[in-house]
């Protein structure tokens, strides 16, 4: 829910991330970066979501781009041999 970034990350999300880590499933957690944008730049934050009927609906093209960039960085950082090519 895009309206919850002024609160701590939801416990359910933290639990899922922890479970995934225990199982060796790689994840990308965008909570901190979205919370920072929410705090520092409300206009940019609003541009990351599409609002329908006064409710946050889903991410916009800008929001999807932000997440895709986070995924790309994670993949580059964890790709076998990536550290030796830097």
C-alpha atoms as a PDB file:
ATOM      1  CA  UNK A   1       0.000   0.000   0.000  1.00  0.00           C
ATOM      2  CA  UNK A   2       1.630   3.212  -1.149  1.00  0.00           C
ATOM      3  CA  UNK A   3       0.054   5.109   1.741  1.00  0.00           C
ATOM      4  CA  UNK A   4       1.982   3.251   4.436  1.00  0.00           C
ATOM      5  CA  UNK A   5       5.522   4.490   3.880  1.00  0.00           C
ATOM      6  CA  UNK A   6       5.458   6.790   6.886  1.00  0.00           C
ATOM      7  CA  UNK A   7       5.188   3.631   9.029  1.00  0.00           C
ATOM      8  CA  UNK A   8       7.743   0.842   9.469  1.00  0.00           C
ATOM      9  CA  UNK A   9       7.838  -1.868   6.824  1.00  0.00           C
ATOM     10  CA  UNK A  10       4.877  -4.200   7.368  1.00  0.00           C
ATOM     11  CA  UNK A  11       5.685  -7.243   9.508  1.00  0.00           C
ATOM     12  CA  UNK A  12       4.236  -9.566   6.868  1.00  0.00           C
ATOM     13  CA  UNK A  13       6.680  -8.229   4.266  1.00  0.00           C
ATOM     14  CA  UNK A  14       9.601  -8.602   6.662  1.00  0.00           C
ATOM     15  CA  UNK A  15       8.511 -12.186   7.410  1.00  0.00           C
ATOM     16  CA  UNK A  16       8.299 -13.070   3.713  1.00  0.00           C
ATOM     17  CA  UNK A  17      11.750 -11.593   3.061  1.00  0.00           C
ATOM     18  CA  UNK A  18      13.182 -13.527   6.006  1.00  0.00           C
ATOM     19  CA  UNK A  19      11.582 -16.768   4.869  1.00  0.00           C
ATOM     20  CA  UNK A  20      12.885 -16.270   1.337  1.00  0.00           C
ATOM     21  CA  UNK A  21      16.390 -15.613   2.664  1.00  0.00           C
ATOM     22  CA  UNK A  22      16.287 -18.764   4.811  1.00  0.00           C
ATOM     23  CA  UNK A  23      15.281 -20.759   1.718  1.00  0.00           C
ATOM     24  CA  UNK A  24      18.034 -19.203  -0.404  1.00  0.00           C
ATOM     25  CA  UNK A  25      15.597 -17.271  -2.597  1.00  0.00           C
ATOM     26  CA  UNK A  26      17.068 -14.002  -3.806  1.00  0.00           C
ATOM     27  CA  UNK A  27      14.821 -10.991  -3.300  1.00  0.00           C
ATOM     28  CA  UNK A  28      14.870  -7.278  -4.026  1.00  0.00           C
ATOM     29  CA  UNK A  29      13.467  -5.167  -1.217  1.00  0.00           C
ATOM     30  CA  UNK A  30      12.489  -1.696  -2.454  1.00  0.00           C
ATOM     31  CA  UNK A  31      10.868  -0.575   0.812  1.00  0.00           C
ATOM     32  CA  UNK A  32      13.732   1.628   2.053  1.00  0.00           C
ATOM     33  CA  UNK A  33      14.216   3.425  -1.252  1.00  0.00           C
ATOM     34  CA  UNK A  34      10.484   4.048  -1.679  1.00  0.00           C
ATOM     35  CA  UNK A  35      10.175   5.232   1.935  1.00  0.00           C
ATOM     36  CA  UNK A  36      13.056   7.652   1.360  1.00  0.00           C
ATOM     37  CA  UNK A  37      11.410   9.060  -1.771  1.00  0.00           C
ATOM     38  CA  UNK A  38       8.112   9.304   0.143  1.00  0.00           C
ATOM     39  CA  UNK A  39       9.838  11.366   2.843  1.00  0.00           C
ATOM     40  CA  UNK A  40      11.995  13.593   0.635  1.00  0.00           C
ATOM     41  CA  UNK A  41      10.024  14.157  -2.574  1.00  0.00           C
ATOM     42  CA  UNK A  42       6.245  13.725  -2.494  1.00  0.00           C
ATOM     43  CA  UNK A  43       5.835  14.819  -6.122  1.00  0.00           C
ATOM     44  CA  UNK A  44       8.252  12.152  -7.306  1.00  0.00           C
ATOM     45  CA  UNK A  45       6.641   9.587  -5.020  1.00  0.00           C
ATOM     46  CA  UNK A  46       3.196  10.330  -6.457  1.00  0.00           C
ATOM     47  CA  UNK A  47       4.623   9.936  -9.967  1.00  0.00           C
ATOM     48  CA  UNK A  48       5.539   6.331  -9.134  1.00  0.00           C
ATOM     49  CA  UNK A  49       1.922   5.254  -8.678  1.00  0.00           C
ATOM     50  CA  UNK A  50      -1.362   5.429 -10.554  1.00  0.00           C
ATOM     51  CA  UNK A  51      -4.315   6.486  -8.434  1.00  0.00           C
ATOM     52  CA  UNK A  52      -7.812   5.301  -9.322  1.00  0.00           C
ATOM     53  CA  UNK A  53     -10.947   6.348  -7.486  1.00  0.00           C
ATOM     54  CA  UNK A  54      -8.874   8.117  -4.798  1.00  0.00           C
ATOM     55  CA  UNK A  55      -6.951   4.916  -4.011  1.00  0.00           C
ATOM     56  CA  UNK A  56      -3.445   3.834  -4.912  1.00  0.00           C
ATOM     57  CA  UNK A  57      -3.894   1.276  -7.670  1.00  0.00           C
ATOM     58  CA  UNK A  58      -0.505   0.157  -8.972  1.00  0.00           C
ATOM     59  CA  UNK A  59       2.842   1.483 -10.062  1.00  0.00           C
ATOM     60  CA  UNK A  60       3.139   3.807 -13.028  1.00  0.00           C
ATOM     61  CA  UNK A  61       5.705   3.453 -15.795  1.00  0.00           C
ATOM     62  CA  UNK A  62       8.095   5.520 -13.629  1.00  0.00           C
ATOM     63  CA  UNK A  63       7.464   3.233 -10.657  1.00  0.00           C
ATOM     64  CA  UNK A  64       7.997   0.137 -12.757  1.00  0.00           C
ATOM     65  CA  UNK A  65      11.225   1.644 -14.087  1.00  0.00           C
ATOM     66  CA  UNK A  66      12.452   2.278 -10.530  1.00  0.00           C
ATOM     67  CA  UNK A  67      11.760  -1.358  -9.560  1.00  0.00           C
ATOM     68  CA  UNK A  68      13.277  -2.702 -12.789  1.00  0.00           C
ATOM     69  CA  UNK A  69      16.417  -0.672 -12.115  1.00  0.00           C
ATOM     70  CA  UNK A  70      16.636  -2.102  -8.584  1.00  0.00           C
ATOM     71  CA  UNK A  71      16.271  -5.622  -9.995  1.00  0.00           C
ATOM     72  CA  UNK A  72      18.938  -4.952 -12.637  1.00  0.00           C
ATOM     73  CA  UNK A  73      21.374  -3.673  -9.994  1.00  0.00           C
ATOM     74  CA  UNK A  74      20.719  -6.739  -7.844  1.00  0.00           C
ATOM     75  CA  UNK A  75      21.276  -9.076 -10.786  1.00  0.00           C
ATOM     76  CA  UNK A  76      24.508  -7.318 -11.709  1.00  0.00           C
ATOM     77  CA  UNK A  77      25.725  -7.460  -8.117  1.00  0.00           C
ATOM     78  CA  UNK A  78      24.966 -11.144  -7.691  1.00  0.00           C
ATOM     79  CA  UNK A  79      25.888 -12.429 -11.146  1.00  0.00           C
ATOM     80  CA  UNK A  80      28.653 -15.043 -10.865  1.00  0.00           C
ATOM     81  CA  UNK A  81      31.974 -13.406 -11.605  1.00  0.00           C
ATOM     82  CA  UNK A  82      30.547  -9.871 -11.405  1.00  0.00           C
ATOM     83  CA  UNK A  83      32.957  -8.804  -8.664  1.00  0.00           C
ATOM     84  CA  UNK A  84      35.993  -9.868 -10.715  1.00  0.00           C
ATOM     85  CA  UNK A  85      34.869  -7.724 -13.677  1.00  0.00           C
ATOM     86  CA  UNK A  86      34.659  -4.483 -11.685  1.00  0.00           C
END
